């Protein structure tokens, strides 16, 4: 019997594949929220912890978290104990629910940013015309937080929405 993948291996195995499961996309968004200021492997290594404390990435459950839930997470020794990032996950779950009825779910929303032509980016570039910039602006307007342009471009590439060729 194969042993389950750890967080880093799981994230690495998913990265760049086309993901249409809204729960998995929220999982990837959560890793991206925690990643700034850390090596991606540190954030990805916490996927099993995030899965447990964030109710298997069920946005309906996460959106209900109250102050007591948040305070418990902020002192959980297994967590990356950044209160702003923990609260961002809850805020992002609430924002995800507000995507309806315009979008069916987070997957429907994120895939609406898929380039309509066969644009392939050779490298991550921060420019005012990048898809990451466009997504980050739109997400912020919709109440998401910790969704900067570079982070969102990585989410688009990681979920297979934006194709990426290695230099």
N, C-alpha and C. Protein backbone atom coordinates (compact mmCIF):
# COMPACT_ATOMS: atom_id res chain seq x y z
N UNK A 1 0.85 -1.18 0.00
CA UNK A 1 0.00 0.00 0.00
C UNK A 1 0.90 1.24 0.00
N UNK A 2 0.64 2.15 -0.91
CA UNK A 2 1.45 3.37 -1.01
C UNK A 2 1.14 4.28 0.16
N UNK A 3 2.20 4.90 0.69
CA UNK A 3 1.96 5.81 1.81
C UNK A 3 1.43 7.14 1.26
N UNK A 4 0.60 7.83 2.04
CA UNK A 4 0.04 9.09 1.55
C UNK A 4 1.14 10.13 1.34
N UNK A 5 0.91 11.01 0.37
CA UNK A 5 1.89 12.05 0.09
C UNK A 5 1.93 13.06 1.23
N UNK A 6 3.14 13.55 1.55
CA UNK A 6 3.21 14.63 2.52
C UNK A 6 2.80 15.92 1.79
N UNK A 7 2.69 17.01 2.52
CA UNK A 7 2.22 18.26 1.94
C UNK A 7 3.06 18.76 0.77
N UNK A 8 4.39 18.69 0.91
CA UNK A 8 5.27 19.18 -0.16
C UNK A 8 5.10 18.33 -1.41
N UNK A 9 5.10 17.00 -1.24
CA UNK A 9 4.95 16.11 -2.40
C UNK A 9 3.57 16.27 -3.05
N UNK A 10 2.55 16.44 -2.22
CA UNK A 10 1.20 16.63 -2.74
C UNK A 10 1.13 17.91 -3.57
N UNK A 11 1.62 19.01 -3.01
CA UNK A 11 1.59 20.30 -3.70
C UNK A 11 2.40 20.21 -5.00
N UNK A 12 3.57 19.60 -4.91
CA UNK A 12 4.43 19.46 -6.08
C UNK A 12 3.76 18.60 -7.16
N UNK A 13 3.05 17.55 -6.75
CA UNK A 13 2.39 16.67 -7.72
C UNK A 13 1.22 17.37 -8.40
N UNK A 14 0.57 18.29 -7.70
CA UNK A 14 -0.57 19.02 -8.26
C UNK A 14 -0.12 20.20 -9.13
N UNK A 15 0.99 20.82 -8.75
CA UNK A 15 1.40 22.09 -9.37
C UNK A 15 1.54 21.95 -10.89
N UNK A 16 0.79 22.78 -11.59
CA UNK A 16 0.86 22.80 -13.05
C UNK A 16 -0.15 21.90 -13.73
N UNK A 17 -0.87 21.08 -12.95
CA UNK A 17 -1.90 20.24 -13.55
C UNK A 17 -3.22 21.02 -13.57
N UNK A 18 -4.08 20.69 -14.50
CA UNK A 18 -5.37 21.39 -14.58
C UNK A 18 -6.26 20.93 -13.43
N UNK A 19 -6.57 21.86 -12.56
CA UNK A 19 -7.38 21.56 -11.38
C UNK A 19 -8.73 22.25 -11.53
N UNK A 20 -9.79 21.46 -11.46
CA UNK A 20 -11.15 22.00 -11.58
C UNK A 20 -11.96 21.77 -10.31
N UNK A 21 -11.36 21.14 -9.31
CA UNK A 21 -12.04 20.87 -8.05
C UNK A 21 -11.95 22.12 -7.17
N UNK A 22 -13.10 22.74 -6.84
CA UNK A 22 -13.06 23.97 -6.05
C UNK A 22 -12.42 23.80 -4.68
N UNK A 23 -12.55 22.61 -4.10
CA UNK A 23 -11.93 22.37 -2.79
C UNK A 23 -10.40 22.37 -2.90
N UNK A 24 -9.88 21.72 -3.93
CA UNK A 24 -8.43 21.67 -4.14
C UNK A 24 -7.91 23.07 -4.50
N UNK A 25 -8.68 23.82 -5.26
CA UNK A 25 -8.26 25.18 -5.59
C UNK A 25 -8.22 26.06 -4.34
N UNK A 26 -9.16 25.87 -3.41
CA UNK A 26 -9.11 26.63 -2.16
C UNK A 26 -7.92 26.19 -1.32
N UNK A 27 -7.59 24.92 -1.37
CA UNK A 27 -6.38 24.41 -0.70
C UNK A 27 -5.15 25.12 -1.25
N UNK A 28 -5.06 25.21 -2.56
CA UNK A 28 -3.90 25.88 -3.19
C UNK A 28 -3.89 27.37 -2.85
N UNK A 29 -5.06 27.99 -2.83
CA UNK A 29 -5.16 29.40 -2.45
C UNK A 29 -4.66 29.58 -1.02
N UNK A 30 -5.03 28.65 -0.13
CA UNK A 30 -4.60 28.72 1.27
C UNK A 30 -3.08 28.63 1.38
N UNK A 31 -2.47 27.71 0.66
CA UNK A 31 -1.01 27.60 0.67
C UNK A 31 -0.40 28.92 0.17
N UNK A 32 -1.01 29.50 -0.87
CA UNK A 32 -0.51 30.77 -1.40
C UNK A 32 -0.67 31.92 -0.41
N UNK A 33 -1.70 31.89 0.42
CA UNK A 33 -1.88 32.92 1.45
C UNK A 33 -0.75 32.84 2.47
N UNK A 34 -0.37 31.62 2.83
CA UNK A 34 0.66 31.45 3.86
C UNK A 34 2.08 31.56 3.31
N UNK A 35 2.25 31.46 2.01
CA UNK A 35 3.60 31.41 1.44
C UNK A 35 4.41 32.70 1.54
N UNK A 36 3.84 33.90 1.32
CA UNK A 36 4.69 35.09 1.33
C UNK A 36 5.55 35.19 2.60
N UNK A 37 6.84 35.42 2.38
CA UNK A 37 7.79 35.51 3.48
C UNK A 37 8.37 34.16 3.89
N UNK A 38 7.89 33.09 3.27
CA UNK A 38 8.38 31.75 3.57
C UNK A 38 8.80 31.06 2.29
N UNK A 39 9.59 30.03 2.40
CA UNK A 39 9.87 29.16 1.28
C UNK A 39 8.58 28.40 0.98
N UNK A 40 8.27 28.19 -0.31
CA UNK A 40 7.02 27.51 -0.66
C UNK A 40 6.91 26.15 0.01
N UNK A 41 8.06 25.50 0.23
CA UNK A 41 8.03 24.17 0.84
C UNK A 41 7.53 24.23 2.29
N UNK A 42 7.85 25.32 2.99
CA UNK A 42 7.38 25.47 4.37
C UNK A 42 5.85 25.54 4.38
N UNK A 43 5.29 26.40 3.52
CA UNK A 43 3.83 26.53 3.45
C UNK A 43 3.19 25.22 2.99
N UNK A 44 3.74 24.61 1.95
CA UNK A 44 3.17 23.36 1.41
C UNK A 44 3.28 22.22 2.42
N UNK A 45 4.32 22.22 3.24
CA UNK A 45 4.49 21.15 4.23
C UNK A 45 3.36 21.15 5.26
N UNK A 46 2.67 22.26 5.36
CA UNK A 46 1.57 22.39 6.34
C UNK A 46 0.22 21.96 5.78
N UNK A 47 0.16 21.48 4.54
CA UNK A 47 -1.13 21.07 3.96
C UNK A 47 -1.89 20.10 4.87
N UNK A 48 -1.25 19.07 5.43
CA UNK A 48 -2.01 18.17 6.32
C UNK A 48 -2.60 18.91 7.53
N UNK A 49 -1.86 19.86 8.07
CA UNK A 49 -2.35 20.65 9.21
C UNK A 49 -3.49 21.56 8.74
N UNK A 50 -3.29 22.25 7.62
CA UNK A 50 -4.34 23.12 7.08
C UNK A 50 -5.62 22.32 6.81
N UNK A 51 -5.44 21.11 6.24
CA UNK A 51 -6.58 20.27 5.93
C UNK A 51 -7.39 19.97 7.19
N UNK A 52 -6.68 19.69 8.27
CA UNK A 52 -7.34 19.36 9.54
C UNK A 52 -8.01 20.60 10.15
N UNK A 53 -7.26 21.69 10.30
CA UNK A 53 -7.80 22.85 11.01
C UNK A 53 -8.80 23.66 10.17
N UNK A 54 -8.67 23.59 8.86
CA UNK A 54 -9.59 24.31 7.98
C UNK A 54 -10.64 23.37 7.37
N UNK A 55 -11.07 22.39 8.17
CA UNK A 55 -12.22 21.54 7.84
C UNK A 55 -12.17 20.96 6.44
N UNK A 56 -11.02 20.41 6.07
CA UNK A 56 -10.83 19.79 4.75
C UNK A 56 -11.12 20.79 3.62
N UNK A 57 -10.83 22.06 3.90
CA UNK A 57 -10.98 23.14 2.91
C UNK A 57 -12.42 23.32 2.46
N UNK A 58 -13.35 23.03 3.35
CA UNK A 58 -14.78 23.24 3.06
C UNK A 58 -15.09 24.71 3.35
N UNK A 59 -15.26 25.51 2.29
CA UNK A 59 -15.44 26.95 2.47
C UNK A 59 -16.68 27.28 3.29
N UNK A 60 -17.72 26.45 3.20
CA UNK A 60 -18.93 26.71 4.00
C UNK A 60 -18.62 26.61 5.49
N UNK A 61 -17.80 25.64 5.88
CA UNK A 61 -17.42 25.47 7.28
C UNK A 61 -16.44 26.55 7.74
N UNK A 62 -15.44 26.84 6.91
CA UNK A 62 -14.43 27.85 7.26
C UNK A 62 -15.08 29.22 7.44
N UNK A 63 -16.04 29.54 6.58
CA UNK A 63 -16.71 30.85 6.63
C UNK A 63 -17.43 31.07 7.96
N UNK A 64 -17.74 30.00 8.67
CA UNK A 64 -18.46 30.10 9.96
C UNK A 64 -17.52 30.30 11.15
N UNK A 65 -16.20 30.25 10.93
CA UNK A 65 -15.27 30.37 12.06
C UNK A 65 -15.56 31.65 12.83
N UNK A 66 -15.53 31.53 14.16
CA UNK A 66 -15.73 32.71 15.00
C UNK A 66 -14.42 33.08 15.69
N UNK A 67 -14.48 34.08 16.52
CA UNK A 67 -13.27 34.59 17.19
C UNK A 67 -12.59 33.49 18.01
N UNK A 68 -13.38 32.65 18.68
CA UNK A 68 -12.80 31.57 19.48
C UNK A 68 -12.03 30.59 18.59
N UNK A 69 -12.59 30.26 17.42
CA UNK A 69 -11.91 29.36 16.48
C UNK A 69 -10.59 29.98 16.03
N UNK A 70 -10.63 31.26 15.71
CA UNK A 70 -9.43 31.95 15.22
C UNK A 70 -8.36 32.01 16.30
N UNK A 71 -8.75 32.33 17.51
CA UNK A 71 -7.78 32.41 18.61
C UNK A 71 -7.14 31.04 18.87
N UNK A 72 -7.92 29.97 18.75
CA UNK A 72 -7.37 28.62 18.95
C UNK A 72 -6.33 28.30 17.87
N UNK A 73 -6.60 28.69 16.62
CA UNK A 73 -5.65 28.45 15.53
C UNK A 73 -4.37 29.26 15.73
N UNK A 74 -4.52 30.46 16.27
CA UNK A 74 -3.36 31.34 16.45
C UNK A 74 -2.37 30.83 17.49
N UNK A 75 -2.80 29.89 18.33
CA UNK A 75 -1.89 29.32 19.33
C UNK A 75 -1.60 27.84 19.07
N UNK A 76 -2.16 27.29 17.99
CA UNK A 76 -1.94 25.89 17.65
C UNK A 76 -0.47 25.70 17.26
N UNK A 77 0.27 24.86 18.00
CA UNK A 77 1.71 24.70 17.72
C UNK A 77 2.01 24.11 16.34
N UNK A 78 1.04 23.42 15.72
CA UNK A 78 1.28 22.85 14.39
C UNK A 78 1.12 23.88 13.27
N UNK A 79 0.43 24.97 13.58
CA UNK A 79 0.10 25.98 12.56
C UNK A 79 1.24 26.95 12.31
N UNK A 80 1.20 27.58 11.14
CA UNK A 80 1.98 28.79 10.91
C UNK A 80 1.14 29.86 11.60
N UNK A 81 1.63 30.34 12.72
CA UNK A 81 0.78 31.15 13.60
C UNK A 81 0.83 32.64 13.27
N UNK A 82 0.46 32.95 12.06
CA UNK A 82 0.38 34.35 11.64
C UNK A 82 -1.11 34.72 11.67
N UNK A 83 -1.52 35.52 12.66
CA UNK A 83 -2.95 35.83 12.80
C UNK A 83 -3.56 36.45 11.54
N UNK A 84 -2.83 37.30 10.86
CA UNK A 84 -3.37 37.95 9.65
C UNK A 84 -3.63 36.92 8.55
N UNK A 85 -2.73 35.96 8.40
CA UNK A 85 -2.90 34.95 7.36
C UNK A 85 -4.01 33.97 7.73
N UNK A 86 -4.11 33.60 9.00
CA UNK A 86 -5.18 32.71 9.46
C UNK A 86 -6.53 33.37 9.19
N UNK A 87 -6.65 34.64 9.55
CA UNK A 87 -7.90 35.37 9.34
C UNK A 87 -8.17 35.56 7.84
N UNK A 88 -7.12 35.66 7.05
CA UNK A 88 -7.28 35.80 5.59
C UNK A 88 -7.96 34.57 5.00
N UNK A 89 -7.62 33.40 5.50
CA UNK A 89 -8.24 32.16 4.99
C UNK A 89 -9.75 32.20 5.23
N UNK A 90 -10.15 32.64 6.42
CA UNK A 90 -11.58 32.73 6.74
C UNK A 90 -12.24 33.79 5.86
N UNK A 91 -11.60 34.94 5.73
CA UNK A 91 -12.15 36.00 4.87
C UNK A 91 -12.26 35.51 3.43
N UNK A 92 -11.26 34.77 2.96
CA UNK A 92 -11.30 34.25 1.59
C UNK A 92 -12.40 33.20 1.40
N UNK A 93 -12.68 32.42 2.44
CA UNK A 93 -13.79 31.46 2.37
C UNK A 93 -15.11 32.22 2.25
N UNK A 94 -15.25 33.28 3.02
CA UNK A 94 -16.47 34.09 2.95
C UNK A 94 -16.60 34.74 1.58
N UNK A 95 -15.49 35.25 1.04
CA UNK A 95 -15.51 35.87 -0.29
C UNK A 95 -15.84 34.83 -1.36
N UNK A 96 -15.35 33.61 -1.17
CA UNK A 96 -15.64 32.53 -2.12
C UNK A 96 -17.13 32.27 -2.19
N UNK A 97 -17.79 32.25 -1.05
CA UNK A 97 -19.24 32.01 -1.02
C UNK A 97 -20.00 33.12 -1.73
N UNK A 98 -19.45 34.33 -1.69
CA UNK A 98 -20.11 35.48 -2.33
C UNK A 98 -19.94 35.49 -3.85
N UNK A 99 -19.14 34.58 -4.39
CA UNK A 99 -18.99 34.50 -5.85
C UNK A 99 -20.30 34.07 -6.51
N UNK A 100 -21.14 33.37 -5.74
CA UNK A 100 -22.43 32.93 -6.28
C UNK A 100 -23.42 34.08 -6.21
N UNK A 101 -24.33 34.24 -7.11
CA UNK A 101 -24.67 33.34 -8.21
C UNK A 101 -23.89 33.64 -9.50
N UNK A 102 -23.03 34.67 -9.47
CA UNK A 102 -22.30 35.00 -10.70
C UNK A 102 -21.46 33.84 -11.20
N UNK A 103 -20.84 33.12 -10.26
CA UNK A 103 -20.03 31.95 -10.60
C UNK A 103 -20.53 30.77 -9.78
N UNK A 104 -20.41 29.57 -10.34
CA UNK A 104 -20.87 28.36 -9.65
C UNK A 104 -20.05 28.13 -8.38
N UNK A 105 -18.73 28.32 -8.48
CA UNK A 105 -17.84 28.08 -7.35
C UNK A 105 -16.48 28.70 -7.65
N UNK A 106 -15.51 28.47 -6.78
CA UNK A 106 -14.17 29.05 -6.95
C UNK A 106 -13.53 28.58 -8.25
N UNK A 107 -13.72 27.32 -8.61
CA UNK A 107 -13.14 26.80 -9.85
C UNK A 107 -13.70 27.55 -11.07
N UNK A 108 -14.99 27.71 -11.11
CA UNK A 108 -15.66 28.43 -12.20
C UNK A 108 -15.10 29.85 -12.29
N UNK A 109 -14.95 30.49 -11.16
CA UNK A 109 -14.41 31.86 -11.11
C UNK A 109 -12.97 31.91 -11.63
N UNK A 110 -12.10 31.09 -11.05
CA UNK A 110 -10.68 31.14 -11.44
C UNK A 110 -10.49 30.76 -12.92
N UNK A 111 -11.23 29.76 -13.39
CA UNK A 111 -11.09 29.34 -14.79
C UNK A 111 -11.63 30.39 -15.75
N UNK A 112 -12.42 31.33 -15.25
CA UNK A 112 -12.89 32.42 -16.12
C UNK A 112 -11.73 33.34 -16.52
N UNK A 113 -10.59 33.21 -15.84
CA UNK A 113 -9.40 33.99 -16.16
C UNK A 113 -8.47 33.28 -17.14
N UNK A 114 -8.85 32.10 -17.57
CA UNK A 114 -8.02 31.36 -18.52
C UNK A 114 -7.82 32.20 -19.77
N UNK A 115 -6.57 32.35 -20.22
CA UNK A 115 -6.34 33.14 -21.44
C UNK A 115 -7.12 32.56 -22.61
N UNK A 116 -7.72 33.43 -23.38
CA UNK A 116 -8.54 32.98 -24.51
C UNK A 116 -7.70 32.57 -25.71
N UNK A 117 -6.46 33.01 -25.73
CA UNK A 117 -5.56 32.60 -26.82
C UNK A 117 -4.52 31.66 -26.21
N UNK A 118 -3.60 31.22 -27.02
CA UNK A 118 -2.58 30.29 -26.53
C UNK A 118 -1.35 31.02 -26.00
N UNK A 119 -1.58 32.02 -25.16
CA UNK A 119 -0.48 32.77 -24.58
C UNK A 119 0.27 31.88 -23.61
N UNK A 120 1.56 31.82 -23.76
CA UNK A 120 2.40 31.07 -22.83
C UNK A 120 3.41 32.05 -22.27
N UNK A 121 3.45 32.12 -20.97
CA UNK A 121 4.40 33.01 -20.32
C UNK A 121 5.69 32.23 -20.09
N UNK A 122 6.80 32.82 -20.45
CA UNK A 122 8.07 32.14 -20.26
C UNK A 122 8.60 32.28 -18.85
N UNK A 123 8.22 33.35 -18.17
CA UNK A 123 8.68 33.56 -16.81
C UNK A 123 7.68 34.43 -16.08
N UNK A 124 7.74 34.38 -14.77
CA UNK A 124 6.85 35.23 -13.99
C UNK A 124 7.33 36.67 -14.12
N UNK A 125 6.46 37.51 -14.58
CA UNK A 125 6.82 38.92 -14.73
C UNK A 125 5.76 39.76 -14.06
N UNK A 126 6.20 40.72 -13.28
CA UNK A 126 5.25 41.64 -12.69
C UNK A 126 5.11 42.82 -13.63
N UNK A 127 4.03 42.83 -14.38
CA UNK A 127 3.76 43.99 -15.21
C UNK A 127 2.28 44.30 -15.07
N UNK A 128 1.91 45.51 -15.36
CA UNK A 128 0.54 45.95 -15.10
C UNK A 128 -0.47 45.27 -16.02
N UNK A 129 0.00 44.47 -16.98
CA UNK A 129 -0.91 43.80 -17.89
C UNK A 129 -1.00 42.30 -17.63
N UNK A 130 -0.27 41.81 -16.62
CA UNK A 130 -0.23 40.38 -16.35
C UNK A 130 -1.54 39.86 -15.81
N UNK A 131 -1.77 38.59 -16.07
CA UNK A 131 -2.99 37.94 -15.61
C UNK A 131 -3.06 37.89 -14.08
N UNK A 132 -1.90 37.74 -13.44
CA UNK A 132 -1.87 37.74 -11.98
C UNK A 132 -2.34 39.07 -11.41
N UNK A 133 -1.95 40.16 -12.07
CA UNK A 133 -2.38 41.50 -11.65
C UNK A 133 -3.89 41.63 -11.81
N UNK A 134 -4.39 41.18 -12.96
CA UNK A 134 -5.82 41.26 -13.24
C UNK A 134 -6.63 40.45 -12.22
N UNK A 135 -6.19 39.23 -11.94
CA UNK A 135 -6.88 38.38 -10.98
C UNK A 135 -6.81 38.99 -9.58
N UNK A 136 -5.63 39.43 -9.17
CA UNK A 136 -5.47 40.01 -7.82
C UNK A 136 -6.39 41.21 -7.62
N UNK A 137 -6.47 42.10 -8.62
CA UNK A 137 -7.35 43.26 -8.51
C UNK A 137 -8.80 42.84 -8.37
N UNK A 138 -9.21 41.89 -9.20
CA UNK A 138 -10.60 41.44 -9.15
C UNK A 138 -10.91 40.75 -7.82
N UNK A 139 -10.00 39.93 -7.35
CA UNK A 139 -10.23 39.23 -6.08
C UNK A 139 -10.33 40.21 -4.93
N UNK A 140 -9.46 41.21 -4.91
CA UNK A 140 -9.50 42.21 -3.83
C UNK A 140 -10.84 42.95 -3.85
N UNK A 141 -11.32 43.26 -5.06
CA UNK A 141 -12.62 43.92 -5.20
C UNK A 141 -13.74 43.05 -4.62
N UNK A 142 -13.56 41.76 -4.70
CA UNK A 142 -14.58 40.82 -4.24
C UNK A 142 -14.40 40.43 -2.77
N UNK A 143 -13.44 41.04 -2.08
CA UNK A 143 -13.28 40.80 -0.65
C UNK A 143 -12.21 39.80 -0.26
N UNK A 144 -11.47 39.25 -1.22
CA UNK A 144 -10.37 38.35 -0.89
C UNK A 144 -9.20 39.16 -0.37
N UNK A 145 -8.35 38.53 0.41
CA UNK A 145 -7.17 39.21 0.94
C UNK A 145 -5.96 38.29 0.87
N UNK A 146 -4.76 38.87 0.95
CA UNK A 146 -3.49 38.15 0.78
C UNK A 146 -3.45 37.51 -0.61
N UNK A 147 -3.88 38.29 -1.59
CA UNK A 147 -3.93 37.80 -2.97
C UNK A 147 -3.18 38.78 -3.88
N UNK A 148 -1.88 38.91 -3.65
CA UNK A 148 -1.06 39.80 -4.47
C UNK A 148 -0.86 39.25 -5.87
N UNK A 149 -0.41 40.11 -6.80
CA UNK A 149 -0.25 39.72 -8.21
C UNK A 149 0.67 38.52 -8.44
N UNK A 150 1.81 38.49 -7.80
CA UNK A 150 2.75 37.38 -8.00
C UNK A 150 2.15 36.09 -7.44
N UNK A 151 1.57 36.18 -6.26
CA UNK A 151 0.95 35.02 -5.63
C UNK A 151 -0.18 34.47 -6.49
N UNK A 152 -0.98 35.38 -7.07
CA UNK A 152 -2.11 34.92 -7.88
C UNK A 152 -1.64 34.37 -9.23
N UNK A 153 -0.55 34.91 -9.76
CA UNK A 153 -0.01 34.32 -10.99
C UNK A 153 0.49 32.91 -10.71
N UNK A 154 1.11 32.71 -9.54
CA UNK A 154 1.54 31.37 -9.15
C UNK A 154 0.35 30.43 -8.99
N UNK A 155 -0.75 30.95 -8.44
CA UNK A 155 -1.96 30.13 -8.31
C UNK A 155 -2.49 29.74 -9.68
N UNK A 156 -2.50 30.68 -10.62
CA UNK A 156 -2.98 30.38 -11.97
C UNK A 156 -2.10 29.34 -12.66
N UNK A 157 -0.79 29.46 -12.48
CA UNK A 157 0.14 28.49 -13.07
C UNK A 157 0.00 27.14 -12.34
N UNK A 158 -0.05 27.20 -11.02
CA UNK A 158 -0.14 25.98 -10.22
C UNK A 158 -1.38 25.17 -10.49
N UNK A 159 -2.47 25.85 -10.85
CA UNK A 159 -3.74 25.15 -11.10
C UNK A 159 -3.96 24.86 -12.58
N UNK A 160 -2.94 25.13 -13.40
CA UNK A 160 -3.01 24.79 -14.82
C UNK A 160 -3.84 25.75 -15.66
N UNK A 161 -4.32 26.83 -15.08
CA UNK A 161 -5.12 27.81 -15.80
C UNK A 161 -4.22 28.61 -16.75
N UNK A 162 -3.05 28.93 -16.28
CA UNK A 162 -2.06 29.64 -17.07
C UNK A 162 -0.92 28.68 -17.34
N UNK A 163 -0.65 28.43 -18.60
CA UNK A 163 0.43 27.51 -18.95
C UNK A 163 1.77 28.22 -18.76
N UNK A 164 2.75 27.48 -18.33
CA UNK A 164 4.06 28.06 -18.00
C UNK A 164 5.15 27.18 -18.57
N UNK A 165 6.02 27.78 -19.32
CA UNK A 165 7.20 27.03 -19.83
C UNK A 165 8.39 27.44 -19.02
N UNK A 166 9.15 26.45 -18.61
CA UNK A 166 10.37 26.73 -17.87
C UNK A 166 11.43 27.25 -18.83
N UNK A 167 12.16 28.28 -18.38
CA UNK A 167 13.23 28.84 -19.22
C UNK A 167 14.38 27.88 -19.33
